[in-house]
Amino acid sequence: MKIILSTLKKVLFWSYDRGTWQYDIMCVLILAFIFFTPNDWFKARWLSMAEDTSRAIYVTSEEVGPVVSDSAEQEVTEYLSRKYGRRLGVARIEQVTSETTGNRAYLVWTKE
């Protein structure tokens, strides 16, 4: 029992000299942990829950096509669903008009 405790104490306090086989085994174990541990172990799950997942997407009127002003929100939502391959939750849509060219575009805030 005393041998086990002394060995654990030496490993814990890293008291083996460099070049001994015990030192080499500890280094190999550390490298194995670094290279063979899955990436998921190092991701902080609580950070992803706290992040705001909304984002702004700029969509030009050429991308959407001809839009009737009454159904602009629906047309833009359908376009984004086709583009990203899934239904996006839309928080709000703002219509942006260029002063120089008069082109219309939409600034869409999504919620996911």
PDB file of N, CA and C in Angstrom:
ATOM      1  N   MET A   1       0.826  -1.189   0.000  1.00  0.00           N
ATOM      2  CA  MET A   1       0.000   0.000   0.000  1.00  0.00           C
ATOM      3  C   MET A   1       0.869   1.252   0.000  1.00  0.00           C
ATOM      4  N   LYS A   2       1.981   1.197   0.735  1.00  0.00           N
ATOM      5  CA  LYS A   2       2.875   2.342   0.819  1.00  0.00           C
ATOM      6  C   LYS A   2       3.548   2.613  -0.529  1.00  0.00           C
ATOM      7  N   ILE A   3       3.822   1.544  -1.279  1.00  0.00           N
ATOM      8  CA  ILE A   3       4.448   1.697  -2.596  1.00  0.00           C
ATOM      9  C   ILE A   3       3.500   2.412  -3.556  1.00  0.00           C
ATOM     10  N   ILE A   4       2.221   2.050  -3.488  1.00  0.00           N
ATOM     11  CA  ILE A   4       1.230   2.677  -4.364  1.00  0.00           C
ATOM     12  C   ILE A   4       1.096   4.166  -4.044  1.00  0.00           C
ATOM     13  N   LEU A   5       1.024   4.498  -2.775  1.00  0.00           N
ATOM     14  CA  LEU A   5       0.897   5.898  -2.379  1.00  0.00           C
ATOM     15  C   LEU A   5       2.133   6.708  -2.755  1.00  0.00           C
ATOM     16  N   SER A   6       3.315   6.135  -2.600  1.00  0.00           N
ATOM     17  CA  SER A   6       4.537   6.865  -2.965  1.00  0.00           C
ATOM     18  C   SER A   6       4.633   7.051  -4.477  1.00  0.00           C
ATOM     19  N   THR A   7       4.186   6.038  -5.230  1.00  0.00           N
ATOM     20  CA  THR A   7       4.183   6.159  -6.689  1.00  0.00           C
ATOM     21  C   THR A   7       3.204   7.246  -7.139  1.00  0.00           C
ATOM     22  N   LEU A   8       2.005   7.255  -6.558  1.00  0.00           N
ATOM     23  CA  LEU A   8       1.032   8.293  -6.894  1.00  0.00           C
ATOM     24  C   LEU A   8       1.552   9.682  -6.535  1.00  0.00           C
ATOM     25  N   LYS A   9       2.250   9.780  -5.406  1.00  0.00           N
ATOM     26  CA  LYS A   9       2.819  11.058  -4.993  1.00  0.00           C
ATOM     27  C   LYS A   9       3.879  11.523  -5.993  1.00  0.00           C
ATOM     28  N   LYS A  10       4.718  10.604  -6.459  1.00  0.00           N
ATOM     29  CA  LYS A  10       5.750  10.965  -7.435  1.00  0.00           C
ATOM     30  C   LYS A  10       5.142  11.381  -8.768  1.00  0.00           C
ATOM     31  N   VAL A  11       4.079  10.682  -9.184  1.00  0.00           N
ATOM     32  CA  VAL A  11       3.420  11.035 -10.443  1.00  0.00           C
ATOM     33  C   VAL A  11       2.721  12.378 -10.313  1.00  0.00           C
ATOM     34  N   LEU A  12       2.032  12.589  -9.207  1.00  0.00           N
ATOM     35  CA  LEU A  12       1.287  13.829  -8.998  1.00  0.00           C
ATOM     36  C   LEU A  12       2.218  15.036  -8.949  1.00  0.00           C
ATOM     37  N   PHE A  13       3.348  14.910  -8.285  1.00  0.00           N
ATOM     38  CA  PHE A  13       4.276  16.029  -8.166  1.00  0.00           C
ATOM     39  C   PHE A  13       5.375  16.008  -9.225  1.00  0.00           C
ATOM     40  N   TRP A  14       5.300  15.070 -10.174  1.00  0.00           N
ATOM     41  CA  TRP A  14       6.217  14.981 -11.317  1.00  0.00           C
ATOM     42  C   TRP A  14       7.664  14.946 -10.826  1.00  0.00           C
ATOM     43  N   SER A  15       7.933  14.014  -9.940  1.00  0.00           N
ATOM     44  CA  SER A  15       9.252  13.979  -9.319  1.00  0.00           C
ATOM     45  C   SER A  15      10.204  12.973  -9.962  1.00  0.00           C
ATOM     46  N   TYR A  16       9.824  12.398 -11.108  1.00  0.00           N
ATOM     47  CA  TYR A  16      10.744  11.507 -11.808  1.00  0.00           C
ATOM     48  C   TYR A  16      11.724  12.345 -12.631  1.00  0.00           C
ATOM     49  N   ASP A  17      12.951  11.904 -12.716  1.00  0.00           N
ATOM     50  CA  ASP A  17      13.969  12.618 -13.485  1.00  0.00           C
ATOM     51  C   ASP A  17      13.737  12.416 -14.971  1.00  0.00           C
ATOM     52  N   ARG A  18      14.163  13.402 -15.736  1.00  0.00           N
ATOM     53  CA  ARG A  18      14.049  13.311 -17.191  1.00  0.00           C
ATOM     54  C   ARG A  18      14.941  12.183 -17.695  1.00  0.00           C
ATOM     55  N   GLY A  19      14.397  11.387 -18.610  1.00  0.00           N
ATOM     56  CA  GLY A  19      15.156  10.278 -19.170  1.00  0.00           C
ATOM     57  C   GLY A  19      14.840   8.949 -18.535  1.00  0.00           C
ATOM     58  N   THR A  20      14.100   8.920 -17.446  1.00  0.00           N
ATOM     59  CA  THR A  20      13.709   7.638 -16.851  1.00  0.00           C
ATOM     60  C   THR A  20      12.490   7.111 -17.584  1.00  0.00           C
ATOM     61  N   TRP A  21      12.249   5.826 -17.456  1.00  0.00           N
ATOM     62  CA  TRP A  21      11.119   5.238 -18.178  1.00  0.00           C
ATOM     63  C   TRP A  21       9.787   5.733 -17.617  1.00  0.00           C
ATOM     64  N   GLN A  22       9.732   6.062 -16.339  1.00  0.00           N
ATOM     65  CA  GLN A  22       8.497   6.585 -15.761  1.00  0.00           C
ATOM     66  C   GLN A  22       8.164   7.966 -16.353  1.00  0.00           C
ATOM     67  N   TYR A  23       9.175   8.794 -16.518  1.00  0.00           N
ATOM     68  CA  TYR A  23       9.010  10.107 -17.113  1.00  0.00           C
ATOM     69  C   TYR A  23       8.506   9.970 -18.549  1.00  0.00           C
ATOM     70  N   ASP A  24       9.097   9.056 -19.304  1.00  0.00           N
ATOM     71  CA  ASP A  24       8.696   8.843 -20.694  1.00  0.00           C
ATOM     72  C   ASP A  24       7.247   8.368 -20.785  1.00  0.00           C
ATOM     73  N   ILE A  25       6.839   7.483 -19.892  1.00  0.00           N
ATOM     74  CA  ILE A  25       5.456   6.994 -19.909  1.00  0.00           C
ATOM     75  C   ILE A  25       4.480   8.127 -19.601  1.00  0.00           C
ATOM     76  N   MET A  26       4.819   8.985 -18.649  1.00  0.00           N
ATOM     77  CA  MET A  26       3.928  10.108 -18.338  1.00  0.00           C
ATOM     78  C   MET A  26       3.807  11.050 -19.533  1.00  0.00           C
ATOM     79  N   CYS A  27       4.897  11.296 -20.230  1.00  0.00           N
ATOM     80  CA  CYS A  27       4.852  12.158 -21.425  1.00  0.00           C
ATOM     81  C   CYS A  27       4.006  11.529 -22.528  1.00  0.00           C
ATOM     82  N   VAL A  28       4.151  10.231 -22.722  1.00  0.00           N
ATOM     83  CA  VAL A  28       3.347   9.533 -23.737  1.00  0.00           C
ATOM     84  C   VAL A  28       1.873   9.586 -23.378  1.00  0.00           C
ATOM     85  N   LEU A  29       1.519   9.428 -22.119  1.00  0.00           N
ATOM     86  CA  LEU A  29       0.122   9.500 -21.700  1.00  0.00           C
ATOM     87  C   LEU A  29      -0.459  10.894 -21.924  1.00  0.00           C
ATOM     88  N   ILE A  30       0.324  11.919 -21.648  1.00  0.00           N
ATOM     89  CA  ILE A  30      -0.145  13.287 -21.881  1.00  0.00           C
ATOM     90  C   ILE A  30      -0.360  13.538 -23.374  1.00  0.00           C
ATOM     91  N   LEU A  31       0.580  13.119 -24.199  1.00  0.00           N
ATOM     92  CA  LEU A  31       0.427  13.295 -25.651  1.00  0.00           C
ATOM     93  C   LEU A  31      -0.746  12.490 -26.196  1.00  0.00           C
ATOM     94  N   ALA A  32      -0.958  11.290 -25.675  1.00  0.00           N
ATOM     95  CA  ALA A  32      -2.096  10.480 -26.106  1.00  0.00           C
ATOM     96  C   ALA A  32      -3.406  11.176 -25.746  1.00  0.00           C
ATOM     97  N   PHE A  33      -3.468  11.762 -24.569  1.00  0.00           N
ATOM     98  CA  PHE A  33      -4.671  12.497 -24.183  1.00  0.00           C
ATOM     99  C   PHE A  33      -4.914  13.674 -25.119  1.00  0.00           C
ATOM    100  N   ILE A  34      -3.854  14.408 -25.453  1.00  0.00           N
ATOM    101  CA  ILE A  34      -4.003  15.579 -26.322  1.00  0.00           C
ATOM    102  C   ILE A  34      -4.485  15.177 -27.710  1.00  0.00           C
ATOM    103  N   PHE A  35      -3.889  14.143 -28.301  1.00  0.00           N
ATOM    104  CA  PHE A  35      -4.181  13.814 -29.688  1.00  0.00           C
ATOM    105  C   PHE A  35      -5.393  12.904 -29.892  1.00  0.00           C
ATOM    106  N   PHE A  36      -5.790  12.141 -28.887  1.00  0.00           N
ATOM    107  CA  PHE A  36      -6.876  11.189 -29.068  1.00  0.00           C
ATOM    108  C   PHE A  36      -8.174  11.565 -28.362  1.00  0.00           C
ATOM    109  N   THR A  37      -8.209  12.698 -27.706  1.00  0.00           N
ATOM    110  CA  THR A  37      -9.427  13.141 -27.042  1.00  0.00           C
ATOM    111  C   THR A  37     -10.351  13.780 -28.074  1.00  0.00           C
ATOM    112  N   PRO A  38     -11.629  13.420 -28.086  1.00  0.00           N
ATOM    113  CA  PRO A  38     -12.563  14.021 -29.052  1.00  0.00           C
ATOM    114  C   PRO A  38     -12.709  15.529 -28.813  1.00  0.00           C
ATOM    115  N   ASN A  39     -12.940  16.269 -29.900  1.00  0.00           N
ATOM    116  CA  ASN A  39     -13.084  17.721 -29.809  1.00  0.00           C
ATOM    117  C   ASN A  39     -14.285  18.136 -28.967  1.00  0.00           C
ATOM    118  N   ASP A  40     -15.317  17.313 -28.929  1.00  0.00           N
ATOM    119  CA  ASP A  40     -16.523  17.659 -28.182  1.00  0.00           C
ATOM    120  C   ASP A  40     -16.250  17.825 -26.690  1.00  0.00           C
ATOM    121  N   TRP A  41     -15.220  17.194 -26.189  1.00  0.00           N
ATOM    122  CA  TRP A  41     -14.902  17.316 -24.764  1.00  0.00           C
ATOM    123  C   TRP A  41     -14.463  18.726 -24.402  1.00  0.00           C
ATOM    124  N   PHE A  42     -13.948  19.481 -25.377  1.00  0.00           N
ATOM    125  CA  PHE A  42     -13.390  20.794 -25.099  1.00  0.00           C
ATOM    126  C   PHE A  42     -14.335  21.939 -25.452  1.00  0.00           C
ATOM    127  N   LYS A  43     -15.515  21.641 -25.958  1.00  0.00           N
ATOM    128  CA  LYS A  43     -16.475  22.689 -26.290  1.00  0.00           C
ATOM    129  C   LYS A  43     -17.300  23.023 -25.058  1.00  0.00           C
ATOM    130  N   ALA A  44     -17.410  24.292 -24.774  1.00  0.00           N
ATOM    131  CA  ALA A  44     -18.192  24.736 -23.625  1.00  0.00           C
ATOM    132  C   ALA A  44     -19.655  24.839 -24.041  1.00  0.00           C
ATOM    133  N   ARG A  45     -20.475  23.941 -23.562  1.00  0.00           N
ATOM    134  CA  ARG A  45     -21.883  23.928 -23.948  1.00  0.00           C
ATOM    135  C   ARG A  45     -22.643  25.117 -23.372  1.00  0.00           C
ATOM    136  N   TRP A  46     -22.261  25.599 -22.225  1.00  0.00           N
ATOM    137  CA  TRP A  46     -22.964  26.716 -21.625  1.00  0.00           C
ATOM    138  C   TRP A  46     -22.720  28.004 -22.389  1.00  0.00           C
ATOM    139  N   LEU A  47     -21.607  28.104 -23.122  1.00  0.00           N
ATOM    140  CA  LEU A  47     -21.379  29.294 -23.940  1.00  0.00           C
ATOM    141  C   LEU A  47     -22.319  29.342 -25.125  1.00  0.00           C
ATOM    142  N   SER A  48     -22.567  28.207 -25.752  1.00  0.00           N
ATOM    143  CA  SER A  48     -23.435  28.196 -26.927  1.00  0.00           C
ATOM    144  C   SER A  48     -24.875  28.520 -26.555  1.00  0.00           C
ATOM    145  N   MET A  49     -25.295  28.188 -25.345  1.00  0.00           N
ATOM    146  CA  MET A  49     -26.652  28.508 -24.936  1.00  0.00           C
ATOM    147  C   MET A  49     -26.804  29.998 -24.659  1.00  0.00           C
ATOM    148  N   ALA A  50     -25.746  30.646 -24.214  1.00  0.00           N
ATOM    149  CA  ALA A  50     -25.830  32.053 -23.849  1.00  0.00           C
ATOM    150  C   ALA A  50     -25.702  32.983 -25.056  1.00  0.00           C
ATOM    151  N   GLU A  51     -25.182  32.487 -26.174  1.00  0.00           N
ATOM    152  CA  GLU A  51     -24.979  33.339 -27.333  1.00  0.00           C
ATOM    153  C   GLU A  51     -26.304  33.690 -27.985  1.00  0.00           C
ATOM    154  N   ASP A  52     -26.361  34.885 -28.516  1.00  0.00           N
ATOM    155  CA  ASP A  52     -27.525  35.301 -29.288  1.00  0.00           C
ATOM    156  C   ASP A  52     -27.368  34.734 -30.687  1.00  0.00           C
ATOM    157  N   THR A  53     -28.317  33.954 -31.140  1.00  0.00           N
ATOM    158  CA  THR A  53     -28.165  33.275 -32.422  1.00  0.00           C
ATOM    159  C   THR A  53     -28.832  34.030 -33.563  1.00  0.00           C
ATOM    160  N   SER A  54     -29.289  35.259 -33.332  1.00  0.00           N
ATOM    161  CA  SER A  54     -29.888  36.010 -34.423  1.00  0.00           C
ATOM    162  C   SER A  54     -28.787  36.626 -35.275  1.00  0.00           C
ATOM    163  N   ARG A  55     -29.089  36.817 -36.549  1.00  0.00           N
ATOM    164  CA  ARG A  55     -28.129  37.428 -37.456  1.00  0.00           C
ATOM    165  C   ARG A  55     -28.870  38.221 -38.515  1.00  0.00           C
ATOM    166  N   ALA A  56     -28.176  39.120 -39.142  1.00  0.00           N
ATOM    167  CA  ALA A  56     -28.768  39.942 -40.186  1.00  0.00           C
ATOM    168  C   ALA A  56     -28.298  39.435 -41.548  1.00  0.00           C
ATOM    169  N   ILE A  57     -29.227  39.348 -42.492  1.00  0.00           N
ATOM    170  CA  ILE A  57     -28.928  38.901 -43.855  1.00  0.00           C
ATOM    171  C   ILE A  57     -29.383  39.995 -44.803  1.00  0.00           C
ATOM    172  N   TYR A  58     -28.511  40.361 -45.740  1.00  0.00           N
ATOM    173  CA  TYR A  58     -28.833  41.379 -46.740  1.00  0.00           C
ATOM    174  C   TYR A  58     -29.290  40.677 -48.010  1.00  0.00           C
ATOM    175  N   VAL A  59     -30.488  40.985 -48.457  1.00  0.00           N
ATOM    176  CA  VAL A  59     -31.066  40.340 -49.639  1.00  0.00           C
ATOM    177  C   VAL A  59     -31.449  41.432 -50.628  1.00  0.00           C
ATOM    178  N   THR A  60     -30.948  41.339 -51.862  1.00  0.00           N
ATOM    179  CA  THR A  60     -31.293  42.328 -52.879  1.00  0.00           C
ATOM    180  C   THR A  60     -32.607  41.963 -53.557  1.00  0.00           C
ATOM    181  N   SER A  61     -33.216  42.955 -54.172  1.00  0.00           N
ATOM    182  CA  SER A  61     -34.493  42.705 -54.850  1.00  0.00           C
ATOM    183  C   SER A  61     -34.303  41.817 -56.082  1.00  0.00           C
ATOM    184  N   GLU A  62     -33.103  41.824 -56.672  1.00  0.00           N
ATOM    185  CA  GLU A  62     -32.832  40.944 -57.813  1.00  0.00           C
ATOM    186  C   GLU A  62     -32.828  39.475 -57.393  1.00  0.00           C
ATOM    187  N   GLU A  63     -32.378  39.197 -56.187  1.00  0.00           N
ATOM    188  CA  GLU A  63     -32.363  37.823 -55.693  1.00  0.00           C
ATOM    189  C   GLU A  63     -33.778  37.303 -55.463  1.00  0.00           C
ATOM    190  N   VAL A  64     -34.604  38.126 -54.901  1.00  0.00           N
ATOM    191  CA  VAL A  64     -35.963  37.705 -54.562  1.00  0.00           C
ATOM    192  C   VAL A  64     -36.850  37.682 -55.795  1.00  0.00           C
ATOM    193  N   GLY A  65     -36.647  38.641 -56.696  1.00  0.00           N
ATOM    194  CA  GLY A  65     -37.503  38.755 -57.869  1.00  0.00           C
ATOM    195  C   GLY A  65     -38.575  39.812 -57.627  1.00  0.00           C
ATOM    196  N   PRO A  66     -39.547  39.906 -58.529  1.00  0.00           N
ATOM    197  CA  PRO A  66     -40.591  40.922 -58.355  1.00  0.00           C
ATOM    198  C   PRO A  66     -41.429  40.644 -57.114  1.00  0.00           C
ATOM    199  N   VAL A  67     -41.568  41.671 -56.294  1.00  0.00           N
ATOM    200  CA  VAL A  67     -42.274  41.528 -55.028  1.00  0.00           C
ATOM    201  C   VAL A  67     -43.351  42.585 -54.938  1.00  0.00           C
ATOM    202  N   VAL A  68     -44.547  42.159 -54.601  1.00  0.00           N
ATOM    203  CA  VAL A  68     -45.625  43.084 -54.311  1.00  0.00           C
ATOM    204  C   VAL A  68     -45.406  43.572 -52.886  1.00  0.00           C
ATOM    205  N   SER A  69     -45.597  44.853 -52.648  1.00  0.00           N
ATOM    206  CA  SER A  69     -45.249  45.420 -51.341  1.00  0.00           C
ATOM    207  C   SER A  69     -46.016  44.772 -50.196  1.00  0.00           C
ATOM    208  N   ASP A  70     -47.223  44.258 -50.444  1.00  0.00           N
ATOM    209  CA  ASP A  70     -48.000  43.624 -49.384  1.00  0.00           C
ATOM    210  C   ASP A  70     -47.412  42.279 -48.957  1.00  0.00           C
ATOM    211  N   SER A  71     -46.808  41.553 -49.899  1.00  0.00           N
ATOM    212  CA  SER A  71     -46.311  40.210 -49.590  1.00  0.00           C
ATOM    213  C   SER A  71     -44.786  40.164 -49.537  1.00  0.00           C
ATOM    214  N   ALA A  72     -44.133  41.282 -49.281  1.00  0.00           N
ATOM    215  CA  ALA A  72     -42.668  41.322 -49.283  1.00  0.00           C
ATOM    216  C   ALA A  72     -42.091  40.396 -48.219  1.00  0.00           C
ATOM    217  N   GLU A  73     -42.659  40.419 -47.039  1.00  0.00           N
ATOM    218  CA  GLU A  73     -42.135  39.583 -45.958  1.00  0.00           C
ATOM    219  C   GLU A  73     -42.259  38.104 -46.293  1.00  0.00           C
ATOM    220  N   GLN A  74     -43.377  37.712 -46.860  1.00  0.00           N
ATOM    221  CA  GLN A  74     -43.589  36.311 -47.218  1.00  0.00           C
ATOM    222  C   GLN A  74     -42.641  35.887 -48.339  1.00  0.00           C
ATOM    223  N   GLU A  75     -42.475  36.738 -49.354  1.00  0.00           N
ATOM    224  CA  GLU A  75     -41.589  36.405 -50.475  1.00  0.00           C
ATOM    225  C   GLU A  75     -40.130  36.276 -50.020  1.00  0.00           C
ATOM    226  N   VAL A  76     -39.698  37.187 -49.176  1.00  0.00           N
ATOM    227  CA  VAL A  76     -38.318  37.132 -48.688  1.00  0.00           C
ATOM    228  C   VAL A  76     -38.115  35.895 -47.826  1.00  0.00           C
ATOM    229  N   THR A  77     -39.083  35.562 -46.985  1.00  0.00           N
ATOM    230  CA  THR A  77     -38.989  34.370 -46.140  1.00  0.00           C
ATOM    231  C   THR A  77     -38.915  33.108 -46.986  1.00  0.00           C
ATOM    232  N   GLU A  78     -39.726  33.024 -48.043  1.00  0.00           N
ATOM    233  CA  GLU A  78     -39.693  31.852 -48.933  1.00  0.00           C
ATOM    234  C   GLU A  78     -38.363  31.771 -49.679  1.00  0.00           C
ATOM    235  N   TYR A  79     -37.842  32.924 -50.112  1.00  0.00           N
ATOM    236  CA  TYR A  79     -36.549  32.931 -50.798  1.00  0.00           C
ATOM    237  C   TYR A  79     -35.447  32.408 -49.884  1.00  0.00           C
ATOM    238  N   LEU A  80     -35.414  32.887 -48.640  1.00  0.00           N
ATOM    239  CA  LEU A  80     -34.382  32.434 -47.699  1.00  0.00           C
ATOM    240  C   LEU A  80     -34.523  30.948 -47.377  1.00  0.00           C
ATOM    241  N   SER A  81     -35.752  30.461 -47.314  1.00  0.00           N
ATOM    242  CA  SER A  81     -35.964  29.033 -47.066  1.00  0.00           C
ATOM    243  C   SER A  81     -35.418  28.200 -48.212  1.00  0.00           C
ATOM    244  N   ARG A  82     -35.623  28.662 -49.442  1.00  0.00           N
ATOM    245  CA  ARG A  82     -35.075  27.944 -50.603  1.00  0.00           C
ATOM    246  C   ARG A  82     -33.550  28.033 -50.622  1.00  0.00           C
ATOM    247  N   LYS A  83     -33.020  29.194 -50.300  1.00  0.00           N
ATOM    248  CA  LYS A  83     -31.572  29.397 -50.368  1.00  0.00           C
ATOM    249  C   LYS A  83     -30.834  28.555 -49.337  1.00  0.00           C
ATOM    250  N   TYR A  84     -31.327  28.508 -48.100  1.00  0.00           N
ATOM    251  CA  TYR A  84     -30.634  27.791 -47.031  1.00  0.00           C
ATOM    252  C   TYR A  84     -31.139  26.365 -46.830  1.00  0.00           C
ATOM    253  N   GLY A  85     -32.179  25.969 -47.540  1.00  0.00           N
ATOM    254  CA  GLY A  85     -32.655  24.593 -47.466  1.00  0.00           C
ATOM    255  C   GLY A  85     -33.431  24.257 -46.209  1.00  0.00           C
ATOM    256  N   ARG A  86     -33.796  25.237 -45.439  1.00  0.00           N
ATOM    257  CA  ARG A  86     -34.598  25.007 -44.233  1.00  0.00           C
ATOM    258  C   ARG A  86     -35.359  26.290 -43.926  1.00  0.00           C
ATOM    259  N   ARG A  87     -36.363  26.137 -43.132  1.00  0.00           N
ATOM    260  CA  ARG A  87     -37.213  27.276 -42.769  1.00  0.00           C
ATOM    261  C   ARG A  87     -36.514  28.120 -41.707  1.00  0.00           C
ATOM    262  N   LEU A  88     -36.296  29.388 -42.007  1.00  0.00           N
ATOM    263  CA  LEU A  88     -35.672  30.295 -41.049  1.00  0.00           C
ATOM    264  C   LEU A  88     -36.748  31.108 -40.351  1.00  0.00           C
ATOM    265  N   GLY A  89     -36.585  31.303 -39.067  1.00  0.00           N
ATOM    266  CA  GLY A  89     -37.483  32.185 -38.340  1.00  0.00           C
ATOM    267  C   GLY A  89     -37.066  33.625 -38.590  1.00  0.00           C
ATOM    268  N   VAL A  90     -37.989  34.451 -39.009  1.00  0.00           N
ATOM    269  CA  VAL A  90     -37.679  35.836 -39.322  1.00  0.00           C
ATOM    270  C   VAL A  90     -38.185  36.715 -38.191  1.00  0.00           C
ATOM    271  N   ALA A  91     -37.266  37.458 -37.570  1.00  0.00           N
ATOM    272  CA  ALA A  91     -37.646  38.366 -36.493  1.00  0.00           C
ATOM    273  C   ALA A  91     -38.229  39.650 -37.063  1.00  0.00           C
ATOM    274  N   ARG A  92     -37.551  40.218 -38.050  1.00  0.00           N
ATOM    275  CA  ARG A  92     -38.072  41.426 -38.697  1.00  0.00           C
ATOM    276  C   ARG A  92     -37.388  41.628 -40.038  1.00  0.00           C
ATOM    277  N   ILE A  93     -38.048  42.398 -40.897  1.00  0.00           N
ATOM    278  CA  ILE A  93     -37.525  42.711 -42.221  1.00  0.00           C
ATOM    279  C   ILE A  93     -37.631  44.217 -42.409  1.00  0.00           C
ATOM    280  N   GLU A  94     -36.529  44.823 -42.857  1.00  0.00           N
ATOM    281  CA  GLU A  94     -36.535  46.242 -43.190  1.00  0.00           C
ATOM    282  C   GLU A  94     -36.245  46.395 -44.668  1.00  0.00           C
ATOM    283  N   GLN A  95     -37.003  47.243 -45.321  1.00  0.00           N
ATOM    284  CA  GLN A  95     -36.751  47.527 -46.724  1.00  0.00           C
ATOM    285  C   GLN A  95     -35.765  48.682 -46.811  1.00  0.00           C
ATOM    286  N   VAL A  96     -34.709  48.496 -47.595  1.00  0.00           N
ATOM    287  CA  VAL A  96     -33.671  49.505 -47.766  1.00  0.00           C
ATOM    288  C   VAL A  96     -33.681  49.933 -49.225  1.00  0.00           C
ATOM    289  N   THR A  97     -33.718  51.245 -49.445  1.00  0.00           N
ATOM    290  CA  THR A  97     -33.716  51.774 -50.812  1.00  0.00           C
ATOM    291  C   THR A  97     -32.485  52.646 -51.001  1.00  0.00           C
ATOM    292  N   SER A  98     -31.751  52.399 -52.082  1.00  0.00           N
ATOM    293  CA  SER A  98     -30.567  53.181 -52.385  1.00  0.00           C
ATOM    294  C   SER A  98     -30.987  54.556 -52.894  1.00  0.00           C
ATOM    295  N   GLU A  99     -30.374  55.601 -52.359  1.00  0.00           N
ATOM    296  CA  GLU A  99     -30.724  56.957 -52.774  1.00  0.00           C
ATOM    297  C   GLU A  99     -30.215  57.273 -54.173  1.00  0.00           C
ATOM    298  N   THR A 100     -29.074  56.711 -54.552  1.00  0.00           N
ATOM    299  CA  THR A 100     -28.485  57.042 -55.851  1.00  0.00           C
ATOM    300  C   THR A 100     -29.111  56.246 -56.988  1.00  0.00           C
ATOM    301  N   THR A 101     -29.282  54.945 -56.803  1.00  0.00           N
ATOM    302  CA  THR A 101     -29.786  54.102 -57.893  1.00  0.00           C
ATOM    303  C   THR A 101     -31.264  53.783 -57.763  1.00  0.00           C
ATOM    304  N   GLY A 102     -31.817  53.907 -56.582  1.00  0.00           N
ATOM    305  CA  GLY A 102     -33.230  53.588 -56.381  1.00  0.00           C
ATOM    306  C   GLY A 102     -33.500  52.103 -56.225  1.00  0.00           C
ATOM    307  N   ASN A 103     -32.445  51.278 -56.182  1.00  0.00           N
ATOM    308  CA  ASN A 103     -32.633  49.837 -56.023  1.00  0.00           C
ATOM    309  C   ASN A 103     -33.121  49.523 -54.615  1.00  0.00           C
ATOM    310  N   ARG A 104     -33.999  48.517 -54.552  1.00  0.00           N
ATOM    311  CA  ARG A 104     -34.501  48.090 -53.253  1.00  0.00           C
ATOM    312  C   ARG A 104     -33.760  46.841 -52.798  1.00  0.00           C
ATOM    313  N   ALA A 105     -33.653  46.737 -51.488  1.00  0.00           N
ATOM    314  CA  ALA A 105     -33.070  45.543 -50.877  1.00  0.00           C
ATOM    315  C   ALA A 105     -33.763  45.354 -49.536  1.00  0.00           C
ATOM    316  N   TYR A 106     -33.489  44.224 -48.919  1.00  0.00           N
ATOM    317  CA  TYR A 106     -34.123  43.910 -47.640  1.00  0.00           C
ATOM    318  C   TYR A 106     -33.047  43.507 -46.648  1.00  0.00           C
ATOM    319  N   LEU A 107     -33.166  44.006 -45.444  1.00  0.00           N
ATOM    320  CA  LEU A 107     -32.309  43.602 -44.351  1.00  0.00           C
ATOM    321  C   LEU A 107     -33.163  42.740 -43.429  1.00  0.00           C
ATOM    322  N   VAL A 108     -32.792  41.446 -43.344  1.00  0.00           N
ATOM    323  CA  VAL A 108     -33.624  40.461 -42.643  1.00  0.00           C
ATOM    324  C   VAL A 108     -32.886  39.999 -41.390  1.00  0.00           C
ATOM    325  N   TRP A 109     -33.527  40.091 -40.249  1.00  0.00           N
ATOM    326  CA  TRP A 109     -32.990  39.566 -38.999  1.00  0.00           C
ATOM    327  C   TRP A 109     -33.663  38.235 -38.722  1.00  0.00           C
ATOM    328  N   THR A 110     -32.831  37.198 -38.601  1.00  0.00           N
ATOM    329  CA  THR A 110     -33.378  35.859 -38.363  1.00  0.00           C
ATOM    330  C   THR A 110     -33.247  35.501 -36.911  1.00  0.00           C
ATOM    331  N   LYS A 111     -34.097  34.594 -36.481  1.00  0.00           N
ATOM    332  CA  LYS A 111     -33.985  34.033 -35.144  1.00  0.00           C
ATOM    333  C   LYS A 111     -33.942  32.523 -35.304  1.00  0.00           C
ATOM    334  N   GLU A 112     -32.969  31.910 -34.660  1.00  0.00           N
ATOM    335  CA  GLU A 112     -32.802  30.459 -34.826  1.00  0.00           C
ATOM    336  C   GLU A 112     -32.801  29.785 -33.483  1.00  0.00           C
TER     337      GLU A 112
END
